[in-house]
Amino acid sequence: MFIIGGAFGFDQAVYERANEKVSLSNLTFSHQMIRLFFLEQLYRIASILKGEKYHHK
């Protein structure tokens, strides 16, 4: 499960329950932008795992 926090992050209880934490940026972005960034990263991972060329040369 992935959850996106607000500008000030989560309550400490959420951090304590988390198995892993991922930060997409130290900057603050809108939820819409973070969803786009996150989906792009999932696409990148899926492409690399399938053996497709992600970076074009």
PDB file of N, CA and C in Angstrom:
ATOM      1  N   MET A   1       0.845  -1.153   0.000  1.00  0.00           N
ATOM      2  CA  MET A   1       0.000   0.000   0.000  1.00  0.00           C
ATOM      3  C   MET A   1       0.901   1.229   0.000  1.00  0.00           C
ATOM      4  N   PHE A   2       0.511   2.198  -0.768  1.00  0.00           N
ATOM      5  CA  PHE A   2       1.215   3.471  -0.802  1.00  0.00           C
ATOM      6  C   PHE A   2       0.242   4.566  -0.394  1.00  0.00           C
ATOM      7  N   ILE A   3       0.697   5.465   0.447  1.00  0.00           N
ATOM      8  CA  ILE A   3      -0.127   6.606   0.823  1.00  0.00           C
ATOM      9  C   ILE A   3       0.687   7.878   0.629  1.00  0.00           C
ATOM     10  N   ILE A   4       0.000   8.934   0.249  1.00  0.00           N
ATOM     11  CA  ILE A   4       0.644  10.217  -0.009  1.00  0.00           C
ATOM     12  C   ILE A   4       0.256  11.168   1.115  1.00  0.00           C
ATOM     13  N   GLY A   5       1.261  11.737   1.756  1.00  0.00           N
ATOM     14  CA  GLY A   5       1.007  12.634   2.875  1.00  0.00           C
ATOM     15  C   GLY A   5       0.791  14.064   2.443  1.00  0.00           C
ATOM     16  N   GLY A   6       0.399  14.853   3.388  1.00  0.00           N
ATOM     17  CA  GLY A   6       0.202  16.275   3.149  1.00  0.00           C
ATOM     18  C   GLY A   6       1.515  17.034   3.243  1.00  0.00           C
ATOM     19  N   ALA A   7       1.429  18.337   3.228  1.00  0.00           N
ATOM     20  CA  ALA A   7       2.616  19.194   3.248  1.00  0.00           C
ATOM     21  C   ALA A   7       3.463  18.992   4.502  1.00  0.00           C
ATOM     22  N   PHE A   8       2.841  18.565   5.593  1.00  0.00           N
ATOM     23  CA  PHE A   8       3.569  18.375   6.842  1.00  0.00           C
ATOM     24  C   PHE A   8       3.781  16.899   7.175  1.00  0.00           C
ATOM     25  N   GLY A   9       3.564  16.028   6.204  1.00  0.00           N
ATOM     26  CA  GLY A   9       3.787  14.605   6.427  1.00  0.00           C
ATOM     27  C   GLY A   9       2.621  13.952   7.149  1.00  0.00           C
ATOM     28  N   PHE A  10       2.956  12.922   7.926  1.00  0.00           N
ATOM     29  CA  PHE A  10       1.954  12.135   8.634  1.00  0.00           C
ATOM     30  C   PHE A  10       2.130  12.276  10.135  1.00  0.00           C
ATOM     31  N   ASP A  11       1.137  11.804  10.854  1.00  0.00           N
ATOM     32  CA  ASP A  11       1.257  11.678  12.294  1.00  0.00           C
ATOM     33  C   ASP A  11       2.347  10.646  12.596  1.00  0.00           C
ATOM     34  N   GLN A  12       3.030  10.791  13.697  1.00  0.00           N
ATOM     35  CA  GLN A  12       4.119   9.881  14.055  1.00  0.00           C
ATOM     36  C   GLN A  12       3.651   8.427  14.094  1.00  0.00           C
ATOM     37  N   ALA A  13       2.406   8.178  14.463  1.00  0.00           N
ATOM     38  CA  ALA A  13       1.877   6.808  14.518  1.00  0.00           C
ATOM     39  C   ALA A  13       1.906   6.149  13.144  1.00  0.00           C
ATOM     40  N   VAL A  14       1.679   6.916  12.091  1.00  0.00           N
ATOM     41  CA  VAL A  14       1.726   6.363  10.729  1.00  0.00           C
ATOM     42  C   VAL A  14       3.153   5.945  10.398  1.00  0.00           C
ATOM     43  N   TYR A  15       4.121   6.799  10.725  1.00  0.00           N
ATOM     44  CA  TYR A  15       5.523   6.462  10.469  1.00  0.00           C
ATOM     45  C   TYR A  15       5.942   5.208  11.234  1.00  0.00           C
ATOM     46  N   GLU A  16       5.459   5.059  12.450  1.00  0.00           N
ATOM     47  CA  GLU A  16       5.822   3.901  13.271  1.00  0.00           C
ATOM     48  C   GLU A  16       5.234   2.608  12.724  1.00  0.00           C
ATOM     49  N   ARG A  17       4.082   2.666  12.059  1.00  0.00           N
ATOM     50  CA  ARG A  17       3.461   1.461  11.487  1.00  0.00           C
ATOM     51  C   ARG A  17       4.052   1.074  10.147  1.00  0.00           C
ATOM     52  N   ALA A  18       4.727   1.995   9.500  1.00  0.00           N
ATOM     53  CA  ALA A  18       5.229   1.763   8.143  1.00  0.00           C
ATOM     54  C   ALA A  18       6.373   0.753   8.141  1.00  0.00           C
ATOM     55  N   ASN A  19       6.321  -0.166   7.173  1.00  0.00           N
ATOM     56  CA  ASN A  19       7.429  -1.103   6.980  1.00  0.00           C
ATOM     57  C   ASN A  19       8.581  -0.421   6.255  1.00  0.00           C
ATOM     58  N   GLU A  20       8.245   0.398   5.296  1.00  0.00           N
ATOM     59  CA  GLU A  20       9.232   1.138   4.499  1.00  0.00           C
ATOM     60  C   GLU A  20       8.712   2.544   4.271  1.00  0.00           C
ATOM     61  N   LYS A  21       9.628   3.462   4.014  1.00  0.00           N
ATOM     62  CA  LYS A  21       9.253   4.833   3.686  1.00  0.00           C
ATOM     63  C   LYS A  21       9.992   5.241   2.420  1.00  0.00           C
ATOM     64  N   VAL A  22       9.303   5.963   1.553  1.00  0.00           N
ATOM     65  CA  VAL A  22       9.888   6.462   0.308  1.00  0.00           C
ATOM     66  C   VAL A  22       9.593   7.950   0.222  1.00  0.00           C
ATOM     67  N   SER A  23      10.611   8.709  -0.127  1.00  0.00           N
ATOM     68  CA  SER A  23      10.426  10.139  -0.345  1.00  0.00           C
ATOM     69  C   SER A  23      10.667  10.427  -1.817  1.00  0.00           C
ATOM     70  N   LEU A  24       9.711  11.042  -2.481  1.00  0.00           N
ATOM     71  CA  LEU A  24       9.876  11.388  -3.891  1.00  0.00           C
ATOM     72  C   LEU A  24      10.607  12.710  -4.061  1.00  0.00           C
ATOM     73  N   SER A  25      10.593  13.551  -3.036  1.00  0.00           N
ATOM     74  CA  SER A  25      11.267  14.849  -3.119  1.00  0.00           C
ATOM     75  C   SER A  25      11.256  15.511  -1.747  1.00  0.00           C
ATOM     76  N   ASN A  26      12.218  16.389  -1.525  1.00  0.00           N
ATOM     77  CA  ASN A  26      12.196  17.222  -0.321  1.00  0.00           C
ATOM     78  C   ASN A  26      11.286  18.428  -0.510  1.00  0.00           C
ATOM     79  N   LEU A  27      10.868  18.662  -1.734  1.00  0.00           N
ATOM     80  CA  LEU A  27       9.990  19.784  -2.044  1.00  0.00           C
ATOM     81  C   LEU A  27       8.534  19.417  -1.779  1.00  0.00           C
ATOM     82  N   THR A  28       7.675  20.403  -1.697  1.00  0.00           N
ATOM     83  CA  THR A  28       6.242  20.186  -1.516  1.00  0.00           C
ATOM     84  C   THR A  28       5.536  20.356  -2.854  1.00  0.00           C
ATOM     85  N   PHE A  29       4.775  19.335  -3.256  1.00  0.00           N
ATOM     86  CA  PHE A  29       4.026  19.358  -4.509  1.00  0.00           C
ATOM     87  C   PHE A  29       2.563  19.065  -4.219  1.00  0.00           C
ATOM     88  N   SER A  30       1.703  19.386  -5.171  1.00  0.00           N
ATOM     89  CA  SER A  30       0.285  19.050  -5.029  1.00  0.00           C
ATOM     90  C   SER A  30       0.120  17.531  -5.129  1.00  0.00           C
ATOM     91  N   HIS A  31      -1.003  17.032  -4.609  1.00  0.00           N
ATOM     92  CA  HIS A  31      -1.274  15.597  -4.695  1.00  0.00           C
ATOM     93  C   HIS A  31      -1.325  15.135  -6.150  1.00  0.00           C
ATOM     94  N   GLN A  32      -1.844  15.976  -7.036  1.00  0.00           N
ATOM     95  CA  GLN A  32      -1.931  15.612  -8.447  1.00  0.00           C
ATOM     96  C   GLN A  32      -0.534  15.405  -9.042  1.00  0.00           C
ATOM     97  N   MET A  33       0.390  16.285  -8.717  1.00  0.00           N
ATOM     98  CA  MET A  33       1.754  16.162  -9.244  1.00  0.00           C
ATOM     99  C   MET A  33       2.452  14.931  -8.673  1.00  0.00           C
ATOM    100  N   ILE A  34       2.278  14.684  -7.385  1.00  0.00           N
ATOM    101  CA  ILE A  34       2.923  13.524  -6.765  1.00  0.00           C
ATOM    102  C   ILE A  34       2.381  12.234  -7.362  1.00  0.00           C
ATOM    103  N   ARG A  35       1.083  12.174  -7.640  1.00  0.00           N
ATOM    104  CA  ARG A  35       0.526  10.973  -8.289  1.00  0.00           C
ATOM    105  C   ARG A  35       1.175  10.750  -9.643  1.00  0.00           C
ATOM    106  N   LEU A  36       1.373  11.826 -10.387  1.00  0.00           N
ATOM    107  CA  LEU A  36       2.033  11.727 -11.687  1.00  0.00           C
ATOM    108  C   LEU A  36       3.469  11.242 -11.531  1.00  0.00           C
ATOM    109  N   PHE A  37       4.221  11.825 -10.604  1.00  0.00           N
ATOM    110  CA  PHE A  37       5.603  11.399 -10.360  1.00  0.00           C
ATOM    111  C   PHE A  37       5.652   9.924  -9.964  1.00  0.00           C
ATOM    112  N   PHE A  38       4.736   9.530  -9.076  1.00  0.00           N
ATOM    113  CA  PHE A  38       4.721   8.157  -8.583  1.00  0.00           C
ATOM    114  C   PHE A  38       4.388   7.169  -9.698  1.00  0.00           C
ATOM    115  N   LEU A  39       3.395   7.491 -10.512  1.00  0.00           N
ATOM    116  CA  LEU A  39       3.041   6.608 -11.630  1.00  0.00           C
ATOM    117  C   LEU A  39       4.187   6.489 -12.624  1.00  0.00           C
ATOM    118  N   GLU A  40       4.902   7.581 -12.846  1.00  0.00           N
ATOM    119  CA  GLU A  40       6.048   7.533 -13.753  1.00  0.00           C
ATOM    120  C   GLU A  40       7.118   6.603 -13.199  1.00  0.00           C
ATOM    121  N   GLN A  41       7.343   6.620 -11.900  1.00  0.00           N
ATOM    122  CA  GLN A  41       8.332   5.739 -11.290  1.00  0.00           C
ATOM    123  C   GLN A  41       7.891   4.275 -11.380  1.00  0.00           C
ATOM    124  N   LEU A  42       6.601   4.011 -11.194  1.00  0.00           N
ATOM    125  CA  LEU A  42       6.101   2.640 -11.353  1.00  0.00           C
ATOM    126  C   LEU A  42       6.270   2.163 -12.790  1.00  0.00           C
ATOM    127  N   TYR A  43       6.000   3.043 -13.747  1.00  0.00           N
ATOM    128  CA  TYR A  43       6.197   2.705 -15.160  1.00  0.00           C
ATOM    129  C   TYR A  43       7.668   2.399 -15.429  1.00  0.00           C
ATOM    130  N   ARG A  44       8.555   3.203 -14.879  1.00  0.00           N
ATOM    131  CA  ARG A  44       9.995   2.989 -15.062  1.00  0.00           C
ATOM    132  C   ARG A  44      10.407   1.624 -14.514  1.00  0.00           C
ATOM    133  N   ILE A  45       9.948   1.311 -13.314  1.00  0.00           N
ATOM    134  CA  ILE A  45      10.277   0.021 -12.700  1.00  0.00           C
ATOM    135  C   ILE A  45       9.755  -1.130 -13.555  1.00  0.00           C
ATOM    136  N   ALA A  46       8.498  -1.051 -13.983  1.00  0.00           N
ATOM    137  CA  ALA A  46       7.903  -2.121 -14.791  1.00  0.00           C
ATOM    138  C   ALA A  46       8.650  -2.291 -16.105  1.00  0.00           C
ATOM    139  N   SER A  47       9.030  -1.198 -16.739  1.00  0.00           N
ATOM    140  CA  SER A  47       9.759  -1.268 -18.012  1.00  0.00           C
ATOM    141  C   SER A  47      11.114  -1.934 -17.834  1.00  0.00           C
ATOM    142  N   ILE A  48      11.829  -1.552 -16.797  1.00  0.00           N
ATOM    143  CA  ILE A  48      13.152  -2.122 -16.545  1.00  0.00           C
ATOM    144  C   ILE A  48      13.038  -3.601 -16.206  1.00  0.00           C
ATOM    145  N   LEU A  49      12.062  -3.976 -15.372  1.00  0.00           N
ATOM    146  CA  LEU A  49      11.893  -5.384 -15.005  1.00  0.00           C
ATOM    147  C   LEU A  49      11.505  -6.249 -16.199  1.00  0.00           C
ATOM    148  N   LYS A  50      10.783  -5.671 -17.167  1.00  0.00           N
ATOM    149  CA  LYS A  50      10.414  -6.407 -18.376  1.00  0.00           C
ATOM    150  C   LYS A  50      11.563  -6.479 -19.375  1.00  0.00           C
ATOM    151  N   GLY A  51      12.661  -5.795 -19.089  1.00  0.00           N
ATOM    152  CA  GLY A  51      13.804  -5.818 -19.986  1.00  0.00           C
ATOM    153  C   GLY A  51      13.713  -4.809 -21.113  1.00  0.00           C
ATOM    154  N   GLU A  52      12.734  -3.926 -21.058  1.00  0.00           N
ATOM    155  CA  GLU A  52      12.599  -2.902 -22.088  1.00  0.00           C
ATOM    156  C   GLU A  52      13.606  -1.786 -21.828  1.00  0.00           C
ATOM    157  N   LYS A  53      13.981  -1.108 -22.899  1.00  0.00           N
ATOM    158  CA  LYS A  53      14.882   0.023 -22.739  1.00  0.00           C
ATOM    159  C   LYS A  53      14.065   1.211 -22.258  1.00  0.00           C
ATOM    160  N   TYR A  54      14.406   1.705 -21.107  1.00  0.00           N
ATOM    161  CA  TYR A  54      13.694   2.870 -20.581  1.00  0.00           C
ATOM    162  C   TYR A  54      14.318   4.155 -21.114  1.00  0.00           C
ATOM    163  N   HIS A  55      15.650   4.195 -21.114  1.00  0.00           N
ATOM    164  CA  HIS A  55      16.356   5.380 -21.600  1.00  0.00           C
ATOM    165  C   HIS A  55      16.699   5.189 -23.070  1.00  0.00           C
ATOM    166  N   HIS A  56      16.412   6.165 -23.861  1.00  0.00           N
ATOM    167  CA  HIS A  56      16.710   6.103 -25.292  1.00  0.00           C
ATOM    168  C   HIS A  56      18.062   6.746 -25.554  1.00  0.00           C
ATOM    169  N   LYS A  57      18.845   6.110 -26.422  1.00  0.00           N
ATOM    170  CA  LYS A  57      20.157   6.673 -26.773  1.00  0.00           C
ATOM    171  C   LYS A  57      20.209   6.951 -28.237  1.00  0.00           C
TER     172      LYS A  57
END
